[in-house]
Amino acid sequence: MRLFIVAATFFAAAGAQAAPASCSDFQEAFARAVPELKPQFTRSVVIGGGSGETRELTTATRVEGRLVCDGQRFVRFETQIQMPSDPATRDAFFRVQQAGVLAAMKWPRTRAGQVLLSMAGEAAEYLRASQERGDVFVAGKVERHAGAAGDLAMMWTKADRTFIVLPYE
């Protein structure tokens, strides 16, 4: 019984910490995580229907990104680089991915970095295997289910690398 109470307390605390961020909270936490990249989120002009509002990420680097919100509710963060790329761009891409995880999942920097490095290693291996097999769509795709915090996805192709954060509600 005592173990059950300790476990219930732990998961309740974890659930409280994993509450989804609002879009403004995400943007503020993201900017604090990578001030050296001078990140800015600007609203896109969208013609036509669709749900949500997209905010384009601009940085002092060649890393692209999009933040999707529904009102103040954080829906998705996606970042991408074109390949081939130089080491400085790949380093900035890693820092943008890490900032996205820090802002959305509220994880410590070390945990976010370890998860991203693990995912990148797997994506690189899956991309290599996909090339060797001669797949029609050559890609390495990895997903991580982060419990109550949401999901992370990474996809590498010969042309680009993409990373997506999807919070749970």
N, C-alpha and C. Protein backbone atom coordinates (compact mmCIF):
# COMPACT_ATOMS: atom_id res chain seq x y z
N MET A 1 0.83 -1.19 0.00
CA MET A 1 0.00 0.00 0.00
C MET A 1 0.87 1.25 0.00
N ARG A 2 1.94 1.21 0.79
CA ARG A 2 2.83 2.37 0.88
C ARG A 2 3.47 2.64 -0.49
N LEU A 3 3.87 1.59 -1.21
CA LEU A 3 4.46 1.74 -2.53
C LEU A 3 3.46 2.40 -3.48
N PHE A 4 2.19 2.01 -3.40
CA PHE A 4 1.15 2.60 -4.24
C PHE A 4 1.03 4.10 -3.99
N ILE A 5 1.07 4.51 -2.73
CA ILE A 5 0.95 5.93 -2.38
C ILE A 5 2.15 6.71 -2.90
N VAL A 6 3.35 6.14 -2.76
CA VAL A 6 4.55 6.81 -3.27
C VAL A 6 4.48 6.92 -4.79
N ALA A 7 4.08 5.86 -5.47
CA ALA A 7 3.96 5.88 -6.93
C ALA A 7 2.90 6.88 -7.37
N ALA A 8 1.76 6.91 -6.71
CA ALA A 8 0.70 7.84 -7.06
C ALA A 8 1.15 9.29 -6.87
N THR A 9 1.88 9.55 -5.81
CA THR A 9 2.40 10.89 -5.57
C THR A 9 3.40 11.28 -6.65
N PHE A 10 4.29 10.35 -7.02
CA PHE A 10 5.29 10.61 -8.05
C PHE A 10 4.61 10.94 -9.38
N PHE A 11 3.64 10.12 -9.80
CA PHE A 11 2.99 10.34 -11.09
C PHE A 11 2.12 11.59 -11.06
N ALA A 12 1.54 11.92 -9.94
CA ALA A 12 0.77 13.16 -9.84
C ALA A 12 1.69 14.36 -10.01
N ALA A 13 2.87 14.31 -9.40
CA ALA A 13 3.84 15.40 -9.54
C ALA A 13 4.34 15.49 -10.97
N ALA A 14 4.59 14.33 -11.60
CA ALA A 14 5.06 14.32 -12.98
C ALA A 14 3.99 14.87 -13.91
N GLY A 15 2.73 14.53 -13.64
CA GLY A 15 1.64 15.04 -14.47
C GLY A 15 1.49 16.54 -14.32
N ALA A 16 1.67 17.05 -13.11
CA ALA A 16 1.55 18.48 -12.90
C ALA A 16 2.67 19.22 -13.63
N GLN A 17 3.87 18.65 -13.65
CA GLN A 17 4.99 19.28 -14.32
C GLN A 17 4.80 19.22 -15.83
N ALA A 18 4.09 18.23 -16.35
CA ALA A 18 3.96 18.03 -17.77
C ALA A 18 2.79 18.77 -18.39
N ALA A 19 2.18 19.70 -17.66
CA ALA A 19 1.07 20.47 -18.22
C ALA A 19 1.53 21.18 -19.48
N PRO A 20 0.72 21.16 -20.53
CA PRO A 20 1.14 21.77 -21.79
C PRO A 20 1.35 23.27 -21.65
N ALA A 21 2.35 23.76 -22.35
CA ALA A 21 2.65 25.18 -22.32
C ALA A 21 1.71 25.93 -23.26
N SER A 22 1.42 27.17 -22.92
CA SER A 22 0.69 28.03 -23.86
C SER A 22 1.70 28.46 -24.92
N CYS A 23 1.21 29.01 -26.01
CA CYS A 23 2.11 29.45 -27.07
C CYS A 23 3.03 30.56 -26.59
N SER A 24 2.52 31.47 -25.81
CA SER A 24 3.39 32.55 -25.32
C SER A 24 4.42 32.00 -24.34
N ASP A 25 4.04 31.03 -23.48
CA ASP A 25 5.00 30.39 -22.58
C ASP A 25 6.09 29.67 -23.38
N PHE A 26 5.68 28.96 -24.43
CA PHE A 26 6.63 28.24 -25.26
C PHE A 26 7.63 29.22 -25.89
N GLN A 27 7.13 30.29 -26.47
CA GLN A 27 8.00 31.26 -27.12
C GLN A 27 9.00 31.89 -26.15
N GLU A 28 8.53 32.24 -24.95
CA GLU A 28 9.41 32.84 -23.95
C GLU A 28 10.48 31.85 -23.49
N ALA A 29 10.08 30.62 -23.20
CA ALA A 29 11.03 29.60 -22.75
C ALA A 29 12.02 29.27 -23.87
N PHE A 30 11.55 29.22 -25.10
CA PHE A 30 12.41 28.94 -26.25
C PHE A 30 13.47 30.03 -26.39
N ALA A 31 13.05 31.29 -26.32
CA ALA A 31 13.99 32.42 -26.46
C ALA A 31 15.03 32.42 -25.33
N ARG A 32 14.62 32.04 -24.11
CA ARG A 32 15.56 31.96 -22.98
C ARG A 32 16.56 30.83 -23.18
N ALA A 33 16.16 29.76 -23.87
CA ALA A 33 17.03 28.59 -24.04
C ALA A 33 18.14 28.83 -25.07
N VAL A 34 17.89 29.68 -26.07
CA VAL A 34 18.90 29.92 -27.12
C VAL A 34 19.00 31.41 -27.48
N PRO A 35 19.32 32.26 -26.51
CA PRO A 35 19.39 33.69 -26.81
C PRO A 35 20.43 34.05 -27.86
N GLU A 36 21.50 33.25 -27.95
CA GLU A 36 22.57 33.52 -28.91
C GLU A 36 22.10 33.38 -30.36
N LEU A 37 21.01 32.67 -30.61
CA LEU A 37 20.48 32.50 -31.96
C LEU A 37 19.48 33.61 -32.34
N LYS A 38 19.15 34.46 -31.39
CA LYS A 38 18.21 35.57 -31.60
C LYS A 38 16.89 35.09 -32.23
N PRO A 39 16.23 34.11 -31.58
CA PRO A 39 15.00 33.57 -32.18
C PRO A 39 13.84 34.57 -32.11
N GLN A 40 13.05 34.58 -33.17
CA GLN A 40 11.84 35.39 -33.21
C GLN A 40 10.75 34.58 -33.90
N PHE A 41 9.55 34.65 -33.34
CA PHE A 41 8.40 33.99 -33.94
C PHE A 41 7.52 35.07 -34.55
N THR A 42 7.28 34.97 -35.85
CA THR A 42 6.44 35.95 -36.53
C THR A 42 5.23 35.25 -37.13
N ARG A 43 4.12 35.95 -37.16
CA ARG A 43 2.90 35.36 -37.70
C ARG A 43 2.96 35.33 -39.22
N SER A 44 2.54 34.20 -39.76
CA SER A 44 2.49 34.03 -41.20
C SER A 44 1.18 34.57 -41.74
N VAL A 45 1.23 35.04 -42.96
CA VAL A 45 0.00 35.43 -43.64
C VAL A 45 -0.50 34.18 -44.37
N VAL A 46 -1.69 33.72 -43.98
CA VAL A 46 -2.24 32.50 -44.55
C VAL A 46 -3.53 32.84 -45.28
N ILE A 47 -3.60 32.42 -46.53
CA ILE A 47 -4.81 32.64 -47.31
C ILE A 47 -5.52 31.30 -47.41
N GLY A 48 -6.79 31.28 -47.02
CA GLY A 48 -7.55 30.04 -47.07
C GLY A 48 -7.88 29.55 -45.68
N GLY A 49 -8.50 28.38 -45.67
CA GLY A 49 -8.95 27.81 -44.40
C GLY A 49 -7.83 27.13 -43.66
N GLY A 50 -8.21 26.38 -42.70
CA GLY A 50 -7.25 25.66 -41.88
C GLY A 50 -7.42 26.05 -40.43
N SER A 51 -7.05 25.15 -39.57
CA SER A 51 -7.19 25.45 -38.15
C SER A 51 -5.83 25.80 -37.59
N GLY A 52 -5.82 26.66 -36.64
CA GLY A 52 -4.58 27.04 -35.98
C GLY A 52 -3.91 28.21 -36.66
N GLU A 53 -2.93 28.71 -35.97
CA GLU A 53 -2.17 29.86 -36.43
C GLU A 53 -0.71 29.45 -36.45
N THR A 54 -0.04 29.69 -37.57
CA THR A 54 1.36 29.31 -37.71
C THR A 54 2.24 30.52 -37.47
N ARG A 55 3.26 30.33 -36.68
CA ARG A 55 4.26 31.37 -36.43
C ARG A 55 5.60 30.85 -36.93
N GLU A 56 6.21 31.58 -37.81
CA GLU A 56 7.49 31.18 -38.40
C GLU A 56 8.64 31.55 -37.45
N LEU A 57 9.56 30.63 -37.28
CA LEU A 57 10.75 30.88 -36.47
C LEU A 57 11.85 31.41 -37.37
N THR A 58 12.41 32.54 -36.99
CA THR A 58 13.61 33.04 -37.66
C THR A 58 14.70 33.13 -36.61
N THR A 59 15.92 32.76 -37.04
CA THR A 59 17.07 32.81 -36.14
C THR A 59 18.23 33.46 -36.89
N ALA A 60 19.34 33.59 -36.23
CA ALA A 60 20.55 34.13 -36.85
C ALA A 60 21.27 33.06 -37.66
N THR A 61 20.60 31.93 -37.92
CA THR A 61 21.20 30.81 -38.64
C THR A 61 20.28 30.38 -39.78
N ARG A 62 20.64 29.28 -40.47
CA ARG A 62 19.83 28.76 -41.58
C ARG A 62 18.82 27.71 -41.12
N VAL A 63 18.50 27.69 -39.84
CA VAL A 63 17.53 26.74 -39.30
C VAL A 63 16.13 27.32 -39.47
N GLU A 64 15.22 26.54 -40.02
CA GLU A 64 13.83 26.95 -40.20
C GLU A 64 12.98 26.33 -39.10
N GLY A 65 11.84 26.97 -38.79
CA GLY A 65 10.94 26.40 -37.80
C GLY A 65 9.56 26.98 -37.90
N ARG A 66 8.59 26.24 -37.36
CA ARG A 66 7.20 26.67 -37.33
C ARG A 66 6.59 26.27 -35.99
N LEU A 67 5.85 27.19 -35.43
CA LEU A 67 5.10 26.95 -34.20
C LEU A 67 3.64 27.07 -34.56
N VAL A 68 2.86 26.04 -34.26
CA VAL A 68 1.43 26.06 -34.56
C VAL A 68 0.67 26.19 -33.25
N CYS A 69 -0.23 27.16 -33.21
CA CYS A 69 -1.04 27.43 -32.03
C CYS A 69 -2.51 27.45 -32.42
N ASP A 70 -3.35 27.16 -31.47
CA ASP A 70 -4.80 27.30 -31.63
C ASP A 70 -5.22 28.25 -30.52
N GLY A 71 -5.32 29.53 -30.86
CA GLY A 71 -5.50 30.54 -29.83
C GLY A 71 -4.20 30.62 -29.05
N GLN A 72 -4.25 30.40 -27.74
CA GLN A 72 -3.04 30.36 -26.93
C GLN A 72 -2.58 28.92 -26.66
N ARG A 73 -3.29 27.94 -27.19
CA ARG A 73 -2.93 26.53 -26.98
C ARG A 73 -1.81 26.12 -27.93
N PHE A 74 -0.72 25.59 -27.37
CA PHE A 74 0.41 25.09 -28.14
C PHE A 74 0.01 23.78 -28.80
N VAL A 75 0.11 23.71 -30.12
CA VAL A 75 -0.30 22.52 -30.87
C VAL A 75 0.90 21.71 -31.37
N ARG A 76 1.91 22.41 -31.96
CA ARG A 76 3.05 21.68 -32.54
C ARG A 76 4.21 22.64 -32.79
N PHE A 77 5.42 22.13 -32.62
CA PHE A 77 6.62 22.85 -33.01
C PHE A 77 7.40 21.97 -33.95
N GLU A 78 7.85 22.52 -35.06
CA GLU A 78 8.60 21.77 -36.07
C GLU A 78 9.79 22.60 -36.51
N THR A 79 10.94 21.97 -36.63
CA THR A 79 12.14 22.66 -37.12
C THR A 79 12.83 21.79 -38.16
N GLN A 80 13.55 22.45 -39.07
CA GLN A 80 14.10 21.72 -40.21
C GLN A 80 15.35 22.42 -40.74
N ILE A 81 16.28 21.62 -41.26
CA ILE A 81 17.41 22.15 -42.02
C ILE A 81 17.51 21.39 -43.33
N GLN A 82 18.07 22.04 -44.32
CA GLN A 82 18.32 21.41 -45.61
C GLN A 82 19.68 20.73 -45.55
N MET A 83 19.81 19.62 -46.26
CA MET A 83 21.07 18.89 -46.31
C MET A 83 21.60 18.92 -47.74
N PRO A 84 22.87 18.89 -47.98
CA PRO A 84 23.92 18.88 -46.96
C PRO A 84 24.02 20.24 -46.28
N SER A 85 24.57 20.24 -45.08
CA SER A 85 24.72 21.47 -44.33
C SER A 85 26.10 21.49 -43.67
N ASP A 86 26.50 22.68 -43.26
CA ASP A 86 27.81 22.82 -42.61
C ASP A 86 27.67 22.52 -41.12
N PRO A 87 28.79 22.27 -40.44
CA PRO A 87 28.74 21.94 -39.00
C PRO A 87 28.07 23.03 -38.15
N ALA A 88 28.26 24.29 -38.47
CA ALA A 88 27.64 25.36 -37.69
C ALA A 88 26.12 25.30 -37.78
N THR A 89 25.59 24.99 -38.96
CA THR A 89 24.14 24.87 -39.14
C THR A 89 23.61 23.66 -38.39
N ARG A 90 24.33 22.54 -38.44
CA ARG A 90 23.89 21.34 -37.71
C ARG A 90 23.93 21.57 -36.20
N ASP A 91 24.92 22.32 -35.72
CA ASP A 91 24.99 22.65 -34.29
C ASP A 91 23.82 23.56 -33.90
N ALA A 92 23.52 24.55 -34.72
CA ALA A 92 22.38 25.43 -34.44
C ALA A 92 21.07 24.64 -34.47
N PHE A 93 20.96 23.68 -35.39
CA PHE A 93 19.77 22.84 -35.48
C PHE A 93 19.60 22.03 -34.19
N PHE A 94 20.70 21.47 -33.68
CA PHE A 94 20.62 20.73 -32.42
C PHE A 94 20.15 21.65 -31.30
N ARG A 95 20.70 22.86 -31.22
CA ARG A 95 20.31 23.79 -30.16
C ARG A 95 18.85 24.22 -30.28
N VAL A 96 18.35 24.37 -31.52
CA VAL A 96 16.93 24.71 -31.71
C VAL A 96 16.04 23.54 -31.29
N GLN A 97 16.44 22.31 -31.65
CA GLN A 97 15.69 21.13 -31.21
C GLN A 97 15.65 21.07 -29.68
N GLN A 98 16.80 21.27 -29.07
CA GLN A 98 16.89 21.21 -27.61
C GLN A 98 16.03 22.30 -26.98
N ALA A 99 16.05 23.49 -27.53
CA ALA A 99 15.22 24.59 -27.00
C ALA A 99 13.74 24.24 -27.12
N GLY A 100 13.36 23.58 -28.23
CA GLY A 100 11.97 23.16 -28.40
C GLY A 100 11.54 22.15 -27.34
N VAL A 101 12.43 21.21 -27.04
CA VAL A 101 12.13 20.21 -26.01
C VAL A 101 12.08 20.87 -24.63
N LEU A 102 13.02 21.75 -24.35
CA LEU A 102 13.04 22.44 -23.06
C LEU A 102 11.76 23.25 -22.87
N ALA A 103 11.34 23.97 -23.91
CA ALA A 103 10.16 24.83 -23.81
C ALA A 103 8.87 24.03 -23.72
N ALA A 104 8.78 22.94 -24.48
CA ALA A 104 7.53 22.18 -24.53
C ALA A 104 7.42 21.15 -23.41
N MET A 105 8.48 20.41 -23.18
CA MET A 105 8.44 19.30 -22.23
C MET A 105 8.86 19.70 -20.82
N LYS A 106 9.53 20.85 -20.70
CA LYS A 106 10.01 21.34 -19.40
C LYS A 106 11.01 20.36 -18.77
N TRP A 107 11.82 19.74 -19.63
CA TRP A 107 12.84 18.81 -19.16
C TRP A 107 14.12 19.57 -18.82
N PRO A 108 14.99 18.98 -18.01
CA PRO A 108 16.32 19.55 -17.81
C PRO A 108 17.12 19.49 -19.13
N ARG A 109 18.03 20.41 -19.32
CA ARG A 109 18.83 20.49 -20.56
C ARG A 109 19.57 19.18 -20.84
N THR A 110 20.11 18.55 -19.79
CA THR A 110 20.86 17.31 -19.96
C THR A 110 19.97 16.20 -20.52
N ARG A 111 18.78 16.04 -19.96
CA ARG A 111 17.87 15.00 -20.44
C ARG A 111 17.47 15.26 -21.88
N ALA A 112 17.14 16.51 -22.19
CA ALA A 112 16.75 16.85 -23.56
C ALA A 112 17.88 16.53 -24.53
N GLY A 113 19.10 16.90 -24.17
CA GLY A 113 20.25 16.63 -25.04
C GLY A 113 20.49 15.15 -25.25
N GLN A 114 20.38 14.37 -24.18
CA GLN A 114 20.60 12.92 -24.29
C GLN A 114 19.55 12.27 -25.18
N VAL A 115 18.30 12.66 -25.02
CA VAL A 115 17.23 12.09 -25.85
C VAL A 115 17.45 12.46 -27.32
N LEU A 116 17.81 13.71 -27.58
CA LEU A 116 18.03 14.14 -28.96
C LEU A 116 19.22 13.42 -29.60
N LEU A 117 20.30 13.25 -28.86
CA LEU A 117 21.46 12.53 -29.40
C LEU A 117 21.12 11.07 -29.68
N SER A 118 20.36 10.46 -28.80
CA SER A 118 19.93 9.07 -29.01
C SER A 118 19.05 8.97 -30.26
N MET A 119 18.09 9.89 -30.37
CA MET A 119 17.20 9.87 -31.54
C MET A 119 17.99 10.11 -32.83
N ALA A 120 18.95 11.03 -32.81
CA ALA A 120 19.75 11.32 -34.00
C ALA A 120 20.57 10.11 -34.43
N GLY A 121 21.14 9.40 -33.45
CA GLY A 121 21.89 8.19 -33.78
C GLY A 121 21.02 7.14 -34.44
N GLU A 122 19.81 6.96 -33.91
CA GLU A 122 18.89 5.99 -34.49
C GLU A 122 18.42 6.44 -35.88
N ALA A 123 18.12 7.73 -36.04
CA ALA A 123 17.68 8.24 -37.35
C ALA A 123 18.77 8.05 -38.39
N ALA A 124 20.03 8.31 -38.02
CA ALA A 124 21.15 8.11 -38.95
C ALA A 124 21.28 6.65 -39.35
N GLU A 125 21.12 5.75 -38.39
CA GLU A 125 21.22 4.31 -38.68
C GLU A 125 20.07 3.85 -39.57
N TYR A 126 18.85 4.32 -39.27
CA TYR A 126 17.69 3.94 -40.10
C TYR A 126 17.82 4.51 -41.51
N LEU A 127 18.38 5.73 -41.65
CA LEU A 127 18.60 6.31 -42.98
C LEU A 127 19.60 5.48 -43.76
N ARG A 128 20.69 5.09 -43.11
CA ARG A 128 21.70 4.26 -43.77
C ARG A 128 21.09 2.93 -44.22
N ALA A 129 20.31 2.29 -43.34
CA ALA A 129 19.69 1.01 -43.68
C ALA A 129 18.68 1.18 -44.82
N SER A 130 17.95 2.28 -44.82
CA SER A 130 16.98 2.55 -45.87
C SER A 130 17.68 2.70 -47.23
N GLN A 131 18.84 3.37 -47.23
CA GLN A 131 19.61 3.51 -48.46
C GLN A 131 20.12 2.16 -48.95
N GLU A 132 20.63 1.34 -48.02
CA GLU A 132 21.15 0.02 -48.39
C GLU A 132 20.07 -0.88 -48.96
N ARG A 133 18.85 -0.79 -48.41
CA ARG A 133 17.74 -1.61 -48.89
C ARG A 133 17.22 -1.13 -50.25
N GLY A 134 17.49 0.13 -50.58
CA GLY A 134 16.98 0.70 -51.82
C GLY A 134 15.50 1.05 -51.71
N ASP A 135 15.08 1.49 -50.53
CA ASP A 135 13.67 1.86 -50.33
C ASP A 135 13.25 2.93 -51.33
N VAL A 136 11.96 2.94 -51.66
CA VAL A 136 11.42 3.97 -52.56
C VAL A 136 11.57 5.34 -51.91
N PHE A 137 11.19 5.46 -50.65
CA PHE A 137 11.36 6.71 -49.89
C PHE A 137 12.47 6.46 -48.88
N VAL A 138 13.65 7.00 -49.16
CA VAL A 138 14.80 6.77 -48.31
C VAL A 138 14.76 7.75 -47.14
N ALA A 139 14.58 7.21 -45.93
CA ALA A 139 14.47 8.06 -44.74
C ALA A 139 14.77 7.26 -43.48
N GLY A 140 15.14 8.00 -42.46
CA GLY A 140 15.29 7.44 -41.12
C GLY A 140 14.34 8.18 -40.20
N LYS A 141 13.40 7.47 -39.63
CA LYS A 141 12.38 8.10 -38.79
C LYS A 141 12.40 7.48 -37.40
N VAL A 142 12.34 8.35 -36.37
CA VAL A 142 12.37 7.90 -34.98
C VAL A 142 11.32 8.68 -34.21
N GLU A 143 10.61 8.00 -33.32
CA GLU A 143 9.63 8.66 -32.45
C GLU A 143 9.92 8.31 -31.00
N ARG A 144 9.63 9.25 -30.11
CA ARG A 144 9.73 9.01 -28.67
C ARG A 144 8.42 9.47 -28.04
N HIS A 145 7.82 8.58 -27.28
CA HIS A 145 6.62 8.94 -26.52
C HIS A 145 7.09 9.37 -25.14
N ALA A 146 6.88 10.62 -24.81
CA ALA A 146 7.40 11.19 -23.57
C ALA A 146 6.35 11.23 -22.48
N GLY A 147 5.58 10.19 -22.38
CA GLY A 147 4.56 10.10 -21.33
C GLY A 147 3.54 11.21 -21.45
N ALA A 148 3.19 11.80 -20.32
CA ALA A 148 2.16 12.84 -20.29
C ALA A 148 2.62 14.12 -20.97
N ALA A 149 3.92 14.27 -21.23
CA ALA A 149 4.44 15.50 -21.83
C ALA A 149 4.12 15.58 -23.33
N GLY A 150 4.09 14.45 -24.04
CA GLY A 150 3.80 14.47 -25.47
C GLY A 150 4.69 13.53 -26.24
N ASP A 151 4.87 13.84 -27.52
CA ASP A 151 5.67 13.01 -28.42
C ASP A 151 6.74 13.85 -29.10
N LEU A 152 7.84 13.17 -29.44
CA LEU A 152 8.91 13.76 -30.21
C LEU A 152 9.10 12.91 -31.45
N ALA A 153 9.38 13.52 -32.58
CA ALA A 153 9.63 12.77 -33.81
C ALA A 153 10.79 13.40 -34.56
N MET A 154 11.61 12.56 -35.15
CA MET A 154 12.77 13.02 -35.92
C MET A 154 12.78 12.25 -37.23
N MET A 155 12.97 12.97 -38.34
CA MET A 155 13.02 12.31 -39.64
C MET A 155 14.17 12.88 -40.45
N TRP A 156 15.04 12.00 -40.91
CA TRP A 156 16.18 12.39 -41.72
C TRP A 156 16.01 11.82 -43.11
N THR A 157 16.27 12.63 -44.13
CA THR A 157 16.35 12.18 -45.51
C THR A 157 17.66 12.72 -46.08
N LYS A 158 17.95 12.39 -47.34
CA LYS A 158 19.14 12.94 -47.98
C LYS A 158 19.00 14.45 -48.17
N ALA A 159 17.77 14.94 -48.29
CA ALA A 159 17.52 16.35 -48.59
C ALA A 159 17.36 17.23 -47.35
N ASP A 160 16.87 16.67 -46.24
CA ASP A 160 16.65 17.50 -45.06
C ASP A 160 16.58 16.68 -43.78
N ARG A 161 16.55 17.40 -42.67
CA ARG A 161 16.34 16.80 -41.35
C ARG A 161 15.23 17.59 -40.68
N THR A 162 14.28 16.86 -40.09
CA THR A 162 13.12 17.50 -39.47
C THR A 162 12.94 16.95 -38.07
N PHE A 163 12.49 17.84 -37.18
CA PHE A 163 12.20 17.46 -35.79
C PHE A 163 10.88 18.07 -35.40
N ILE A 164 10.01 17.28 -34.74
CA ILE A 164 8.66 17.73 -34.38
C ILE A 164 8.39 17.44 -32.91
N VAL A 165 7.76 18.40 -32.24
CA VAL A 165 7.32 18.25 -30.86
C VAL A 165 5.79 18.36 -30.86
N LEU A 166 5.13 17.34 -30.32
CA LEU A 166 3.66 17.33 -30.19
C LEU A 166 3.29 17.15 -28.73
N PRO A 167 2.76 18.20 -28.09
CA PRO A 167 2.37 18.05 -26.69
C PRO A 167 1.02 17.35 -26.56
N TYR A 168 0.79 16.73 -25.42
CA TYR A 168 -0.53 16.19 -25.12
C TYR A 168 -1.34 17.26 -24.43
N GLU A 169 -2.63 17.13 -24.53
CA GLU A 169 -3.49 18.12 -23.88
C GLU A 169 -3.86 17.68 -22.48
